[in-house]
Each structure stands twice: as C-alpha cells, then as structure tokens.
N, C-alpha and C. Protein backbone atom coordinates (compact mmCIF):
# COMPACT_ATOMS: atom_id res chain seq x y z
N ASP A 1 -11.47 13.05 9.62
CA ASP A 1 -12.68 13.66 9.12
C ASP A 1 -13.65 12.59 8.62
N LYS A 2 -13.17 11.62 7.85
CA LYS A 2 -14.03 10.56 7.33
C LYS A 2 -14.51 9.66 8.45
N TYR A 3 -13.64 9.43 9.43
CA TYR A 3 -14.03 8.59 10.57
C TYR A 3 -15.22 9.21 11.29
N VAL A 4 -15.20 10.52 11.47
CA VAL A 4 -16.28 11.22 12.17
C VAL A 4 -17.53 11.30 11.31
N SER A 5 -17.36 11.69 10.04
CA SER A 5 -18.52 11.92 9.17
C SER A 5 -19.31 10.66 8.87
N GLU A 6 -18.65 9.47 8.89
CA GLU A 6 -19.32 8.23 8.55
C GLU A 6 -19.75 7.43 9.78
N ALA A 7 -19.52 7.96 10.97
CA ALA A 7 -19.93 7.29 12.18
C ALA A 7 -21.45 7.34 12.32
N LEU A 8 -22.03 6.37 13.04
CA LEU A 8 -23.47 6.37 13.26
C LEU A 8 -23.90 7.61 14.03
N ASP A 9 -23.07 8.01 14.97
CA ASP A 9 -23.31 9.26 15.71
C ASP A 9 -22.04 10.09 15.62
N SER A 10 -22.05 11.10 14.75
CA SER A 10 -20.85 11.89 14.50
C SER A 10 -20.41 12.68 15.73
N ASN A 11 -21.36 13.07 16.57
CA ASN A 11 -21.01 13.83 17.78
C ASN A 11 -20.20 12.96 18.75
N ILE A 12 -20.66 11.72 18.92
CA ILE A 12 -19.94 10.80 19.80
C ILE A 12 -18.56 10.49 19.22
N ALA A 13 -18.50 10.27 17.91
CA ALA A 13 -17.22 9.97 17.26
C ALA A 13 -16.25 11.12 17.43
N LEU A 14 -16.74 12.35 17.26
CA LEU A 14 -15.88 13.53 17.41
C LEU A 14 -15.39 13.65 18.84
N GLU A 15 -16.26 13.37 19.79
CA GLU A 15 -15.85 13.44 21.21
C GLU A 15 -14.80 12.40 21.53
N GLN A 16 -14.94 11.21 20.94
CA GLN A 16 -13.95 10.15 21.16
C GLN A 16 -12.58 10.58 20.62
N VAL A 17 -12.59 11.17 19.43
CA VAL A 17 -11.33 11.62 18.83
C VAL A 17 -10.69 12.70 19.68
N LEU A 18 -11.48 13.67 20.12
CA LEU A 18 -10.95 14.78 20.91
C LEU A 18 -10.40 14.28 22.24
N ASN A 19 -11.10 13.34 22.85
CA ASN A 19 -10.63 12.79 24.13
C ASN A 19 -9.33 12.01 23.94
N GLN A 20 -9.24 11.31 22.82
CA GLN A 20 -8.06 10.50 22.55
C GLN A 20 -6.83 11.36 22.31
N THR A 21 -7.01 12.51 21.70
CA THR A 21 -5.88 13.36 21.35
C THR A 21 -5.68 14.51 22.33
N ASN A 22 -6.31 14.42 23.48
CA ASN A 22 -6.21 15.49 24.45
C ASN A 22 -5.35 15.07 25.65
N SER A 23 -4.34 14.26 25.37
CA SER A 23 -3.46 13.78 26.43
C SER A 23 -2.30 14.74 26.61
N HIS A 24 -1.44 14.41 27.56
CA HIS A 24 -0.27 15.26 27.84
C HIS A 24 1.01 14.61 27.32
N ALA A 25 0.87 13.73 26.34
CA ALA A 25 2.05 13.09 25.76
C ALA A 25 2.95 14.13 25.11
N LYS A 26 4.24 13.89 25.21
CA LYS A 26 5.20 14.84 24.66
C LYS A 26 5.75 14.32 23.33
N GLY A 27 6.28 15.25 22.57
CA GLY A 27 6.85 14.88 21.28
C GLY A 27 6.18 15.64 20.17
N PRO A 28 6.90 15.94 19.09
CA PRO A 28 6.36 16.76 18.01
C PRO A 28 5.20 16.10 17.26
N PHE A 29 5.13 14.76 17.30
CA PHE A 29 4.08 14.06 16.55
C PHE A 29 3.11 13.32 17.47
N SER A 30 3.19 13.55 18.76
CA SER A 30 2.42 12.75 19.71
C SER A 30 0.91 12.83 19.46
N THR A 31 0.39 14.03 19.26
CA THR A 31 -1.05 14.17 19.04
C THR A 31 -1.48 13.50 17.75
N LEU A 32 -0.71 13.70 16.69
CA LEU A 32 -1.02 13.08 15.40
C LEU A 32 -0.93 11.57 15.50
N ASP A 33 0.09 11.06 16.18
CA ASP A 33 0.25 9.62 16.33
C ASP A 33 -0.91 9.01 17.11
N GLU A 34 -1.35 9.70 18.15
CA GLU A 34 -2.47 9.21 18.94
C GLU A 34 -3.73 9.13 18.08
N LEU A 35 -3.91 10.10 17.21
CA LEU A 35 -5.07 10.12 16.32
C LEU A 35 -5.03 8.94 15.35
N TYR A 36 -3.87 8.74 14.72
CA TYR A 36 -3.74 7.63 13.78
C TYR A 36 -3.94 6.29 14.48
N LEU A 37 -3.32 6.12 15.64
CA LEU A 37 -3.46 4.86 16.37
C LEU A 37 -4.90 4.62 16.80
N PHE A 38 -5.58 5.68 17.20
CA PHE A 38 -6.98 5.54 17.61
C PHE A 38 -7.84 5.07 16.44
N VAL A 39 -7.66 5.69 15.27
CA VAL A 39 -8.45 5.33 14.09
C VAL A 39 -8.16 3.88 13.68
N LEU A 40 -6.90 3.48 13.71
CA LEU A 40 -6.55 2.11 13.31
C LEU A 40 -7.07 1.09 14.32
N GLU A 41 -7.03 1.44 15.59
CA GLU A 41 -7.54 0.54 16.62
C GLU A 41 -9.05 0.35 16.47
N GLN A 42 -9.74 1.39 15.99
CA GLN A 42 -11.19 1.31 15.84
C GLN A 42 -11.62 0.57 14.59
N ALA A 43 -10.70 0.38 13.65
CA ALA A 43 -11.03 -0.30 12.40
C ALA A 43 -11.41 -1.76 12.67
N ARG A 44 -12.51 -2.19 12.10
CA ARG A 44 -12.94 -3.57 12.27
C ARG A 44 -12.06 -4.50 11.44
N GLY A 45 -11.81 -5.67 12.00
CA GLY A 45 -11.02 -6.65 11.26
C GLY A 45 -9.82 -7.14 12.04
N ASP A 46 -9.18 -8.15 11.50
CA ASP A 46 -8.00 -8.74 12.11
C ASP A 46 -6.84 -7.75 12.08
N LYS A 47 -6.23 -7.52 13.23
CA LYS A 47 -5.16 -6.53 13.32
C LYS A 47 -3.93 -6.93 12.50
N LEU A 48 -3.67 -8.23 12.39
CA LEU A 48 -2.53 -8.68 11.59
C LEU A 48 -2.76 -8.38 10.11
N ILE A 49 -3.99 -8.59 9.64
CA ILE A 49 -4.30 -8.29 8.24
C ILE A 49 -4.24 -6.79 8.00
N ILE A 50 -4.73 -5.99 8.95
CA ILE A 50 -4.62 -4.53 8.83
C ILE A 50 -3.15 -4.13 8.74
N LYS A 51 -2.34 -4.72 9.59
CA LYS A 51 -0.90 -4.43 9.60
C LYS A 51 -0.25 -4.76 8.26
N LYS A 52 -0.57 -5.92 7.69
CA LYS A 52 0.01 -6.32 6.41
C LYS A 52 -0.49 -5.43 5.27
N ALA A 53 -1.77 -5.07 5.30
CA ALA A 53 -2.33 -4.19 4.27
C ALA A 53 -1.64 -2.84 4.29
N LEU A 54 -1.43 -2.30 5.50
CA LEU A 54 -0.75 -1.01 5.64
C LEU A 54 0.71 -1.12 5.23
N GLY A 55 1.33 -2.27 5.53
CA GLY A 55 2.74 -2.45 5.19
C GLY A 55 2.99 -2.43 3.69
N ILE A 56 2.18 -3.18 2.94
CA ILE A 56 2.36 -3.21 1.49
C ILE A 56 2.05 -1.85 0.88
N LEU A 57 1.08 -1.16 1.47
CA LEU A 57 0.72 0.18 0.98
C LEU A 57 1.85 1.16 1.25
N ALA A 58 2.45 1.09 2.43
CA ALA A 58 3.53 2.01 2.80
C ALA A 58 4.74 1.85 1.90
N CYS A 59 5.00 0.62 1.46
CA CYS A 59 6.19 0.35 0.63
C CYS A 59 5.99 0.67 -0.84
N THR A 60 4.75 0.72 -1.29
CA THR A 60 4.49 0.93 -2.73
C THR A 60 3.95 2.32 -3.04
N ALA A 61 3.29 2.97 -2.09
CA ALA A 61 2.58 4.22 -2.37
C ALA A 61 3.51 5.33 -2.86
N LYS A 62 4.74 5.33 -2.38
CA LYS A 62 5.65 6.40 -2.79
C LYS A 62 6.11 6.26 -4.24
N HIS A 63 5.93 5.06 -4.80
CA HIS A 63 6.31 4.82 -6.19
C HIS A 63 5.13 5.03 -7.15
N ARG A 64 4.02 4.36 -6.84
CA ARG A 64 2.85 4.46 -7.71
C ARG A 64 1.63 3.93 -6.96
N PRO A 65 0.50 4.65 -7.01
CA PRO A 65 -0.71 4.11 -6.39
C PRO A 65 -1.21 2.90 -7.16
N LEU A 66 -1.62 1.85 -6.45
CA LEU A 66 -2.04 0.61 -7.07
C LEU A 66 -3.43 0.21 -6.61
N THR A 67 -4.10 -0.61 -7.39
CA THR A 67 -5.39 -1.14 -6.98
C THR A 67 -5.18 -2.23 -5.94
N SER A 68 -6.27 -2.62 -5.27
CA SER A 68 -6.16 -3.69 -4.27
C SER A 68 -5.71 -4.99 -4.93
N LYS A 69 -6.11 -5.23 -6.18
CA LYS A 69 -5.69 -6.45 -6.89
C LYS A 69 -4.18 -6.44 -7.10
N SER A 70 -3.63 -5.31 -7.52
CA SER A 70 -2.18 -5.23 -7.73
C SER A 70 -1.43 -5.33 -6.42
N LEU A 71 -1.95 -4.71 -5.37
CA LEU A 71 -1.32 -4.81 -4.05
C LEU A 71 -1.30 -6.26 -3.59
N TYR A 72 -2.38 -6.97 -3.86
CA TYR A 72 -2.43 -8.38 -3.48
C TYR A 72 -1.39 -9.20 -4.24
N ASP A 73 -1.24 -8.90 -5.53
CA ASP A 73 -0.24 -9.62 -6.34
C ASP A 73 1.17 -9.44 -5.80
N LEU A 74 1.43 -8.30 -5.15
CA LEU A 74 2.78 -8.00 -4.66
C LEU A 74 3.01 -8.43 -3.22
N LEU A 75 1.98 -8.96 -2.58
CA LEU A 75 2.13 -9.39 -1.19
C LEU A 75 3.10 -10.56 -1.08
N PRO A 76 3.87 -10.61 0.02
CA PRO A 76 4.74 -11.76 0.26
C PRO A 76 3.96 -13.07 0.21
N ALA A 77 4.57 -14.12 -0.30
CA ALA A 77 3.89 -15.39 -0.50
C ALA A 77 3.28 -15.94 0.79
N GLY A 78 3.92 -15.71 1.93
CA GLY A 78 3.45 -16.25 3.19
C GLY A 78 2.20 -15.59 3.73
N SER A 79 1.74 -14.52 3.11
CA SER A 79 0.58 -13.80 3.62
C SER A 79 -0.69 -14.64 3.57
N LEU A 80 -0.78 -15.55 2.60
CA LEU A 80 -1.95 -16.42 2.51
C LEU A 80 -2.09 -17.28 3.76
N ASP A 81 -0.97 -17.64 4.36
CA ASP A 81 -1.00 -18.45 5.58
C ASP A 81 -1.64 -17.71 6.74
N ASP A 82 -1.65 -16.38 6.65
CA ASP A 82 -2.25 -15.56 7.71
C ASP A 82 -3.70 -15.19 7.38
N GLY A 83 -4.27 -15.78 6.33
CA GLY A 83 -5.65 -15.51 5.98
C GLY A 83 -5.85 -14.26 5.15
N LEU A 84 -4.79 -13.75 4.57
CA LEU A 84 -4.90 -12.51 3.79
C LEU A 84 -5.20 -12.84 2.33
N SER A 85 -6.45 -13.14 2.04
CA SER A 85 -6.90 -13.38 0.68
C SER A 85 -7.14 -12.04 0.00
N GLN A 86 -7.40 -12.07 -1.30
CA GLN A 86 -7.67 -10.83 -2.01
C GLN A 86 -8.94 -10.17 -1.47
N ILE A 87 -9.95 -10.97 -1.17
CA ILE A 87 -11.20 -10.42 -0.62
C ILE A 87 -10.95 -9.79 0.74
N ALA A 88 -10.13 -10.45 1.57
CA ALA A 88 -9.82 -9.91 2.89
C ALA A 88 -9.06 -8.59 2.78
N LEU A 89 -8.14 -8.51 1.82
CA LEU A 89 -7.39 -7.27 1.62
C LEU A 89 -8.31 -6.15 1.16
N GLU A 90 -9.20 -6.44 0.21
CA GLU A 90 -10.13 -5.43 -0.28
C GLU A 90 -11.04 -4.93 0.84
N SER A 91 -11.55 -5.86 1.64
CA SER A 91 -12.44 -5.48 2.75
C SER A 91 -11.70 -4.63 3.78
N THR A 92 -10.45 -5.00 4.05
CA THR A 92 -9.65 -4.25 5.01
C THR A 92 -9.39 -2.84 4.53
N LEU A 93 -9.03 -2.69 3.26
CA LEU A 93 -8.78 -1.35 2.71
C LEU A 93 -10.05 -0.51 2.73
N GLU A 94 -11.18 -1.12 2.47
CA GLU A 94 -12.46 -0.40 2.54
C GLU A 94 -12.68 0.18 3.93
N ARG A 95 -12.30 -0.58 4.95
CA ARG A 95 -12.52 -0.15 6.34
C ARG A 95 -11.51 0.87 6.82
N LEU A 96 -10.47 1.09 6.03
CA LEU A 96 -9.42 2.03 6.43
C LEU A 96 -9.52 3.38 5.73
N GLN A 97 -10.70 3.69 5.21
CA GLN A 97 -10.83 4.91 4.42
C GLN A 97 -10.88 6.19 5.25
N SER A 98 -10.59 6.07 6.53
CA SER A 98 -10.34 7.28 7.33
C SER A 98 -8.95 7.81 7.07
N VAL A 99 -8.05 6.91 6.64
CA VAL A 99 -6.65 7.31 6.44
C VAL A 99 -6.17 7.06 5.01
N ILE A 100 -6.96 6.34 4.22
CA ILE A 100 -6.61 6.12 2.82
C ILE A 100 -7.81 6.50 1.96
N HIS A 101 -7.57 6.60 0.65
CA HIS A 101 -8.64 6.96 -0.28
C HIS A 101 -8.60 6.01 -1.46
N ILE A 102 -9.73 5.33 -1.73
CA ILE A 102 -9.84 4.47 -2.90
C ILE A 102 -10.41 5.31 -4.02
N ASP A 103 -9.55 5.64 -4.98
CA ASP A 103 -9.91 6.57 -6.05
C ASP A 103 -10.63 5.83 -7.18
N VAL A 104 -11.95 5.83 -7.11
CA VAL A 104 -12.75 5.12 -8.11
C VAL A 104 -12.57 5.73 -9.49
N SER A 105 -12.41 7.05 -9.55
CA SER A 105 -12.26 7.74 -10.83
C SER A 105 -10.97 7.35 -11.55
N ALA A 106 -10.00 6.80 -10.81
CA ALA A 106 -8.72 6.39 -11.39
C ALA A 106 -8.59 4.87 -11.44
N GLY A 107 -9.73 4.19 -11.50
CA GLY A 107 -9.69 2.74 -11.62
C GLY A 107 -9.61 2.00 -10.30
N GLY A 108 -9.82 2.70 -9.20
CA GLY A 108 -9.80 2.05 -7.89
C GLY A 108 -8.44 1.98 -7.24
N VAL A 109 -7.51 2.83 -7.67
CA VAL A 109 -6.19 2.82 -7.02
C VAL A 109 -6.32 3.34 -5.59
N VAL A 110 -5.46 2.84 -4.72
CA VAL A 110 -5.49 3.20 -3.30
C VAL A 110 -4.46 4.28 -3.04
N ARG A 111 -4.90 5.39 -2.51
CA ARG A 111 -4.00 6.50 -2.20
C ARG A 111 -4.01 6.76 -0.70
N VAL A 112 -2.87 7.21 -0.19
CA VAL A 112 -2.77 7.63 1.21
C VAL A 112 -3.27 9.06 1.31
N CYS A 113 -4.15 9.33 2.27
CA CYS A 113 -4.76 10.66 2.38
C CYS A 113 -3.73 11.74 2.67
N LEU A 114 -2.79 11.45 3.57
CA LEU A 114 -1.80 12.45 3.98
C LEU A 114 -0.40 11.84 3.99
N PRO A 115 0.60 12.58 3.50
CA PRO A 115 1.98 12.08 3.55
C PRO A 115 2.43 11.76 4.97
N SER A 116 1.89 12.48 5.95
CA SER A 116 2.29 12.23 7.34
C SER A 116 1.90 10.83 7.80
N PHE A 117 0.89 10.23 7.16
CA PHE A 117 0.49 8.87 7.53
C PHE A 117 1.56 7.87 7.10
N LEU A 118 2.19 8.12 5.96
CA LEU A 118 3.30 7.26 5.53
C LEU A 118 4.48 7.37 6.49
N ASP A 119 4.77 8.59 6.93
CA ASP A 119 5.85 8.80 7.90
C ASP A 119 5.55 8.03 9.17
N PHE A 120 4.30 8.06 9.59
CA PHE A 120 3.85 7.35 10.78
C PHE A 120 4.06 5.84 10.62
N LEU A 121 3.62 5.29 9.49
CA LEU A 121 3.72 3.84 9.27
C LEU A 121 5.15 3.36 9.20
N ASN A 122 6.05 4.20 8.73
CA ASN A 122 7.45 3.80 8.56
C ASN A 122 8.29 3.94 9.82
N SER A 123 7.68 4.40 10.91
CA SER A 123 8.40 4.57 12.17
C SER A 123 7.94 3.52 13.19
N LYS A 124 8.85 2.68 13.63
CA LYS A 124 8.51 1.64 14.61
C LYS A 124 8.02 2.25 15.92
N GLU A 125 8.67 3.33 16.33
CA GLU A 125 8.31 3.98 17.59
C GLU A 125 6.91 4.61 17.52
N ARG A 126 6.53 5.10 16.35
CA ARG A 126 5.25 5.79 16.23
C ARG A 126 4.11 4.84 15.91
N ALA A 127 4.31 3.89 15.00
CA ALA A 127 3.23 3.02 14.55
C ALA A 127 2.96 1.86 15.49
N GLY A 128 3.91 1.52 16.34
CA GLY A 128 3.69 0.46 17.33
C GLY A 128 3.35 -0.87 16.69
N ILE A 129 2.21 -1.46 17.08
CA ILE A 129 1.84 -2.79 16.59
C ILE A 129 1.52 -2.81 15.10
N PHE A 130 1.34 -1.64 14.49
CA PHE A 130 1.00 -1.59 13.07
C PHE A 130 2.24 -1.40 12.19
N TRP A 131 3.42 -1.39 12.80
CA TRP A 131 4.66 -1.22 12.05
C TRP A 131 5.13 -2.55 11.48
N MET A 132 5.63 -2.51 10.25
CA MET A 132 6.27 -3.68 9.65
C MET A 132 7.69 -3.30 9.25
N ASP A 133 8.63 -4.20 9.45
CA ASP A 133 10.03 -3.94 9.15
C ASP A 133 10.18 -3.66 7.65
N PRO A 134 10.53 -2.43 7.26
CA PRO A 134 10.62 -2.08 5.84
C PRO A 134 11.72 -2.85 5.10
N SER A 135 12.79 -3.22 5.81
CA SER A 135 13.86 -3.96 5.14
C SER A 135 13.36 -5.34 4.72
N GLU A 136 12.63 -6.01 5.61
CA GLU A 136 12.10 -7.33 5.29
C GLU A 136 11.00 -7.25 4.25
N LEU A 137 10.09 -6.28 4.40
CA LEU A 137 8.96 -6.19 3.50
C LEU A 137 9.38 -5.79 2.10
N ASN A 138 10.31 -4.83 1.99
CA ASN A 138 10.80 -4.44 0.67
C ASN A 138 11.53 -5.59 -0.03
N MET A 139 12.24 -6.39 0.75
CA MET A 139 12.92 -7.54 0.17
C MET A 139 11.90 -8.57 -0.34
N GLU A 140 10.82 -8.75 0.41
CA GLU A 140 9.78 -9.68 -0.02
C GLU A 140 9.08 -9.16 -1.28
N ILE A 141 8.84 -7.84 -1.34
CA ILE A 141 8.20 -7.28 -2.52
C ILE A 141 9.14 -7.40 -3.72
N TYR A 142 10.43 -7.19 -3.51
CA TYR A 142 11.42 -7.38 -4.58
C TYR A 142 11.33 -8.81 -5.12
N ARG A 143 11.24 -9.79 -4.23
CA ARG A 143 11.16 -11.18 -4.66
C ARG A 143 9.86 -11.44 -5.43
N ARG A 144 8.77 -10.81 -4.98
CA ARG A 144 7.50 -10.97 -5.69
C ARG A 144 7.60 -10.34 -7.08
N CYS A 145 8.25 -9.20 -7.17
CA CYS A 145 8.44 -8.55 -8.48
C CYS A 145 9.19 -9.49 -9.42
N MET A 146 10.25 -10.10 -8.92
CA MET A 146 11.03 -11.02 -9.75
C MET A 146 10.19 -12.21 -10.17
N HIS A 147 9.36 -12.71 -9.25
CA HIS A 147 8.49 -13.84 -9.55
C HIS A 147 7.47 -13.46 -10.63
N LEU A 148 6.84 -12.29 -10.49
CA LEU A 148 5.86 -11.86 -11.48
C LEU A 148 6.49 -11.67 -12.85
N MET A 149 7.70 -11.13 -12.89
CA MET A 149 8.37 -10.94 -14.17
C MET A 149 8.76 -12.28 -14.79
N ASP A 150 9.23 -13.20 -13.95
CA ASP A 150 9.63 -14.51 -14.45
C ASP A 150 8.44 -15.25 -15.06
N LYS A 151 7.27 -15.13 -14.42
CA LYS A 151 6.09 -15.85 -14.88
C LYS A 151 5.33 -15.09 -15.98
N GLY A 152 5.41 -13.76 -15.96
CA GLY A 152 4.54 -12.99 -16.83
C GLY A 152 5.15 -12.44 -18.10
N LEU A 153 6.45 -12.18 -18.11
CA LEU A 153 7.07 -11.58 -19.29
C LEU A 153 7.26 -12.62 -20.39
N LYS A 154 6.99 -12.22 -21.62
CA LYS A 154 7.17 -13.11 -22.76
C LYS A 154 7.36 -12.28 -24.02
N PHE A 155 7.85 -12.93 -25.04
CA PHE A 155 8.09 -12.25 -26.31
C PHE A 155 6.77 -11.73 -26.90
N ASN A 156 6.82 -10.48 -27.39
CA ASN A 156 5.65 -9.85 -28.01
C ASN A 156 4.43 -9.91 -27.09
N ILE A 157 4.62 -9.50 -25.85
CA ILE A 157 3.57 -9.59 -24.85
C ILE A 157 2.34 -8.76 -25.23
N CYS A 158 2.55 -7.70 -25.99
CA CYS A 158 1.43 -6.83 -26.39
C CYS A 158 0.79 -7.28 -27.70
N LYS A 159 1.26 -8.37 -28.25
CA LYS A 159 0.67 -8.97 -29.47
C LYS A 159 0.67 -7.99 -30.64
N LEU A 160 1.82 -7.37 -30.86
CA LEU A 160 1.94 -6.44 -31.97
C LEU A 160 2.06 -7.21 -33.29
N GLU A 161 1.57 -6.61 -34.36
CA GLU A 161 1.59 -7.28 -35.66
C GLU A 161 2.99 -7.36 -36.25
N SER A 162 3.83 -6.37 -35.91
CA SER A 162 5.19 -6.36 -36.45
C SER A 162 6.15 -5.76 -35.44
N ALA A 163 7.35 -6.34 -35.34
CA ALA A 163 8.37 -5.83 -34.43
C ALA A 163 9.14 -4.67 -35.05
N SER A 164 8.92 -4.42 -36.32
CA SER A 164 9.66 -3.36 -37.02
C SER A 164 8.98 -2.00 -36.94
N VAL A 165 7.82 -1.94 -36.30
CA VAL A 165 7.08 -0.69 -36.19
C VAL A 165 7.54 0.07 -34.94
N LEU A 166 7.76 1.35 -35.06
CA LEU A 166 8.14 2.19 -33.93
C LEU A 166 6.97 2.34 -32.96
N ASN A 167 7.29 2.50 -31.67
CA ASN A 167 6.24 2.71 -30.69
C ASN A 167 5.38 3.92 -31.04
N SER A 168 6.01 4.96 -31.56
CA SER A 168 5.29 6.19 -31.90
C SER A 168 4.30 5.99 -33.04
N GLU A 169 4.47 4.91 -33.76
CA GLU A 169 3.59 4.62 -34.90
C GLU A 169 2.40 3.74 -34.52
N ILE A 170 2.38 3.28 -33.29
CA ILE A 170 1.27 2.42 -32.83
C ILE A 170 0.26 3.31 -32.11
N THR A 171 -0.84 3.57 -32.73
CA THR A 171 -1.81 4.55 -32.20
C THR A 171 -2.47 4.08 -30.90
N ASP A 172 -2.64 2.80 -30.73
CA ASP A 172 -3.31 2.28 -29.52
C ASP A 172 -2.35 1.54 -28.61
N LEU A 173 -1.11 2.01 -28.56
CA LEU A 173 -0.09 1.31 -27.77
C LEU A 173 -0.46 1.24 -26.29
N GLN A 174 -0.90 2.34 -25.72
CA GLN A 174 -1.26 2.34 -24.30
C GLN A 174 -2.39 1.38 -24.00
N GLN A 175 -3.34 1.30 -24.91
CA GLN A 175 -4.45 0.37 -24.73
C GLN A 175 -3.95 -1.08 -24.79
N LYS A 176 -3.03 -1.35 -25.69
CA LYS A 176 -2.45 -2.70 -25.80
C LYS A 176 -1.68 -3.05 -24.53
N ILE A 177 -0.94 -2.06 -23.99
CA ILE A 177 -0.19 -2.30 -22.76
C ILE A 177 -1.14 -2.61 -21.61
N SER A 178 -2.19 -1.81 -21.48
CA SER A 178 -3.16 -2.00 -20.40
C SER A 178 -3.88 -3.33 -20.52
N SER A 179 -4.16 -3.74 -21.75
CA SER A 179 -4.92 -4.97 -21.98
C SER A 179 -4.07 -6.23 -21.79
N ASN A 180 -2.77 -6.13 -22.03
CA ASN A 180 -1.94 -7.33 -22.04
C ASN A 180 -0.92 -7.44 -20.91
N ILE A 181 -0.66 -6.33 -20.23
CA ILE A 181 0.32 -6.37 -19.15
C ILE A 181 -0.37 -5.95 -17.85
N PRO A 182 -0.59 -6.86 -16.93
CA PRO A 182 -1.23 -6.50 -15.65
C PRO A 182 -0.48 -5.38 -14.94
N ALA A 183 -1.22 -4.56 -14.21
CA ALA A 183 -0.61 -3.41 -13.53
C ALA A 183 0.50 -3.84 -12.57
N SER A 184 0.32 -4.98 -11.92
CA SER A 184 1.35 -5.46 -10.99
C SER A 184 2.62 -5.86 -11.72
N LEU A 185 2.48 -6.37 -12.94
CA LEU A 185 3.66 -6.72 -13.73
C LEU A 185 4.35 -5.45 -14.25
N GLN A 186 3.56 -4.46 -14.67
CA GLN A 186 4.13 -3.19 -15.08
C GLN A 186 4.92 -2.57 -13.92
N TYR A 187 4.31 -2.60 -12.75
CA TYR A 187 4.96 -2.06 -11.55
C TYR A 187 6.27 -2.79 -11.28
N SER A 188 6.24 -4.11 -11.37
CA SER A 188 7.42 -4.93 -11.07
C SER A 188 8.57 -4.59 -12.00
N CYS A 189 8.27 -4.41 -13.30
CA CYS A 189 9.32 -4.13 -14.28
C CYS A 189 10.01 -2.79 -14.01
N ILE A 190 9.26 -1.85 -13.45
CA ILE A 190 9.80 -0.50 -13.23
C ILE A 190 10.46 -0.35 -11.86
N TYR A 191 9.88 -0.97 -10.82
CA TYR A 191 10.28 -0.64 -9.45
C TYR A 191 10.97 -1.76 -8.68
N TRP A 192 11.26 -2.90 -9.33
CA TRP A 192 11.90 -3.98 -8.57
C TRP A 192 13.22 -3.54 -7.96
N MET A 193 13.98 -2.74 -8.71
CA MET A 193 15.26 -2.27 -8.20
C MET A 193 15.09 -1.33 -7.02
N ASP A 194 14.04 -0.50 -7.06
CA ASP A 194 13.79 0.43 -5.96
C ASP A 194 13.55 -0.32 -4.65
N HIS A 195 12.79 -1.41 -4.73
CA HIS A 195 12.51 -2.18 -3.52
C HIS A 195 13.76 -2.88 -3.00
N LEU A 196 14.62 -3.32 -3.90
CA LEU A 196 15.88 -3.93 -3.46
C LEU A 196 16.75 -2.90 -2.76
N ILE A 197 16.82 -1.69 -3.31
CA ILE A 197 17.60 -0.61 -2.70
C ILE A 197 16.99 -0.19 -1.37
N ASP A 198 15.64 -0.06 -1.34
CA ASP A 198 14.95 0.33 -0.11
C ASP A 198 15.18 -0.69 1.00
N ALA A 199 15.23 -1.97 0.63
CA ALA A 199 15.48 -3.02 1.62
C ALA A 199 16.86 -2.86 2.23
N LYS A 200 17.85 -2.60 1.38
CA LYS A 200 19.21 -2.44 1.87
C LYS A 200 19.35 -1.17 2.70
N ASP A 201 18.75 -0.06 2.23
CA ASP A 201 18.84 1.20 2.95
C ASP A 201 18.19 1.10 4.32
N ALA A 202 17.01 0.44 4.39
CA ALA A 202 16.32 0.29 5.66
C ALA A 202 17.13 -0.58 6.62
N CYS A 203 17.78 -1.59 6.10
CA CYS A 203 18.62 -2.47 6.92
C CYS A 203 19.82 -1.70 7.46
N ASP A 204 20.42 -0.86 6.62
CA ASP A 204 21.58 -0.06 7.05
C ASP A 204 21.19 0.92 8.14
N VAL A 205 19.99 1.51 8.04
CA VAL A 205 19.52 2.46 9.05
C VAL A 205 19.34 1.77 10.39
N GLN A 206 18.77 0.56 10.36
CA GLN A 206 18.52 -0.17 11.61
C GLN A 206 19.82 -0.61 12.27
N GLU A 207 20.85 -0.90 11.46
CA GLU A 207 22.11 -1.36 12.02
C GLU A 207 22.97 -0.22 12.53
N ALA A 208 22.69 0.99 12.04
CA ALA A 208 23.52 2.16 12.42
C ALA A 208 23.29 2.53 13.88
C-alpha cells in the first residue's frame, strides 16, 4: 500500500504490483512472496546493505522494536567492511517503508508492518537473496550483546545518590535509566540469552 501511494505515478505502481503477483506460481505463500520480493527489488540502494538491515531487524523485532541507532549498535562487527555505516542503515530503512514502519511517536523505533514479512525473511526458500542465516546472525548479535555489556556496564550506572534506596522509592527511575543506559545496552542485558538460544535452535533446524 505504501509502495503504491508514494510512487510518482500510483496507477503505474499499482499495475506493476498486480502484474508481478499475477503469475501461476504454486504454493500457499507464492503470491505474497512475489509481492515482497518485488518491493525489495524495487528499493533503491545496495542489495547487500538491504539484506543486512533486514537480517538484524528480523532477529530483533520479535523481542523488542529498536531505533536505527540501536540496530546499528547490534550489527556484527564485520558489517562496517561492507559499507554499512549508521547513516547507510538509516537511509536503507527509510527506503523500506513499504514493508516496515518507523514509529516517530515512539522515538523512531522500527516496526515490521506485518508478521508475515518476518516469516518471509526467516525462510531461505522464500526470501532468496534477501535471506540471512539466522544461526550465524543470532550468534553475531549475541557476541555484540556481550561486547556492549562488557564495555557499557558499570557500578551505579544510573548515578543514584544511595544504594540503600528501593527502586520503588526513586520517583524518576525510568528517566534515569533512559538517560544513562543506551537502548542497545538495555536490550543486550535482557535478550543476549535469547539470541544464543535462537542461534542454537536455528542451527539444529538446518542440521535436521
């Protein structure tokens, strides 16, 4: 819908979509897959960067929606070698708003428009060139989580006046957490184990 509505000529865009999804391919998701692949193929930008942006989104979205800055913090270290800077990631996500939604009202977190898009991204057969191995990517995210915690965690990180005060007695605790603990570090502390488990589960599925 967004792909069509934001096109220079919405009639031509709609005709392209209808022609793309009017094939005789078989399978329960064939029409939907053709639509997703068509939209991704039409997205401007480096296909490898699009693939990496979608990969990190697919692995984190089920846990918590994150901003482009937090997604960048969790990217595998080698991504910089492929030209995936924070600006490149932000630009790529902006161009993918036919299938994702950047929620400005929630601080710019990136949400997937439809759960079926996550199913599509996680299937090698369906996503094709846009698929990333979830076992490898989750393991890399796990390592990034450990790195962020190793570098970022410290005693009295929220700069509380006293350690003897109960959390319930600190009226601005959430504000202190937001101000002193980056969202990517908060995410790492909560979900590092999930990514380690997801890496193992995905590896077991592929070996079965």
